[in-house]
Amino acid sequence: MTVVEKKSLMRDIVAKVGRDKAIELVMQAYNTELVTTWLSRMEIDKPRMMARTRPRDHLGEALTRVAAVCDLTS
């Protein structure tokens, strides 16, 4: 996801819930994405998949998740 796409998603979220609430929601979703990644790396019995060639875009995934929830309310 490009920076322009991220900014566009954030603008859409801000328009629906306000600036402060948008920041709070995206930060919570971002933290959830990080914790999910860390937990999946810590699981002992989980078979290791091939190494990713590109790091995950946690912020992009968080923005997408929050935007999807905001779209449900409209």
Protein backbone atom coordinates (compact mmCIF):
# COMPACT_ATOMS: atom_id res chain seq x y z
CA MET A 1 0.00 0.00 0.00
CA THR A 2 1.41 3.35 -1.01
CA VAL A 3 1.64 6.45 1.16
CA VAL A 4 -1.05 8.12 -0.94
CA GLU A 5 -3.42 5.20 -0.33
CA LYS A 6 -2.69 5.31 3.40
CA LYS A 7 -3.39 9.05 3.55
CA SER A 8 -6.61 8.58 1.63
CA LEU A 9 -7.79 5.83 4.00
CA MET A 10 -6.90 7.96 7.02
CA ARG A 11 -8.83 10.93 5.57
CA ASP A 12 -11.86 8.67 5.09
CA ILE A 13 -11.63 7.42 8.68
CA VAL A 14 -11.20 10.97 10.06
CA ALA A 15 -14.26 12.09 8.11
CA LYS A 16 -16.35 9.35 9.72
CA VAL A 17 -15.18 9.38 13.34
CA GLY A 18 -13.16 12.56 13.88
CA ARG A 19 -9.42 13.13 14.13
CA ASP A 20 -8.76 12.05 17.72
CA LYS A 21 -10.91 8.93 17.53
CA ALA A 22 -9.38 8.00 14.16
CA ILE A 23 -5.86 8.21 15.59
CA GLU A 24 -6.90 6.12 18.59
CA LEU A 25 -8.58 3.44 16.47
CA VAL A 26 -5.72 3.16 13.99
CA MET A 27 -3.12 2.97 16.77
CA GLN A 28 -5.08 0.19 18.48
CA ALA A 29 -5.37 -1.71 15.20
CA TYR A 30 -1.65 -1.15 14.50
CA ASN A 31 -0.73 -2.54 17.92
CA THR A 32 -2.97 -5.53 17.27
CA GLU A 33 -1.20 -6.18 13.97
CA LEU A 34 2.19 -6.07 15.72
CA VAL A 35 1.12 -8.38 18.54
CA THR A 36 -0.41 -10.83 16.07
CA THR A 37 2.88 -10.96 14.17
CA TRP A 38 4.92 -11.42 17.32
CA LEU A 39 2.65 -14.17 18.63
CA SER A 40 2.73 -16.07 15.37
CA ARG A 41 6.54 -15.98 15.46
CA MET A 42 6.57 -17.26 19.05
CA GLU A 43 4.31 -20.27 18.50
CA ILE A 44 6.40 -23.37 19.06
CA ASP A 45 4.30 -25.98 17.27
CA LYS A 46 3.56 -23.85 14.24
CA PRO A 47 5.50 -25.05 11.20
CA ARG A 48 7.87 -22.42 9.89
CA MET A 49 6.95 -21.09 6.51
CA MET A 50 9.47 -19.75 4.08
CA ALA A 51 10.86 -16.38 5.03
CA ARG A 52 8.97 -13.43 3.69
CA THR A 53 10.68 -11.53 0.97
CA ARG A 54 9.00 -8.29 2.03
CA PRO A 55 8.18 -7.07 5.55
CA ARG A 56 4.51 -6.79 6.48
CA ASP A 57 2.85 -3.43 6.16
CA HIS A 58 1.35 -3.24 9.65
CA LEU A 59 0.12 0.33 9.24
CA GLY A 60 -1.52 -0.41 5.91
CA GLU A 61 -3.26 -3.45 7.35
CA ALA A 62 -4.40 -1.47 10.39
CA LEU A 63 -5.81 1.31 8.23
CA THR A 64 -7.62 -1.20 6.03
CA ARG A 65 -9.09 -2.92 9.07
CA VAL A 66 -10.35 0.30 10.65
CA ALA A 67 -11.70 1.62 7.33
CA ALA A 68 -13.62 -1.63 6.83
CA VAL A 69 -15.25 -1.30 10.25
CA CYS A 70 -16.09 2.36 9.60
CA ASP A 71 -17.69 1.39 6.28
CA LEU A 72 -19.98 -1.02 8.13
CA THR A 73 -21.49 1.89 10.06
CA SER A 74 -22.38 3.98 7.02
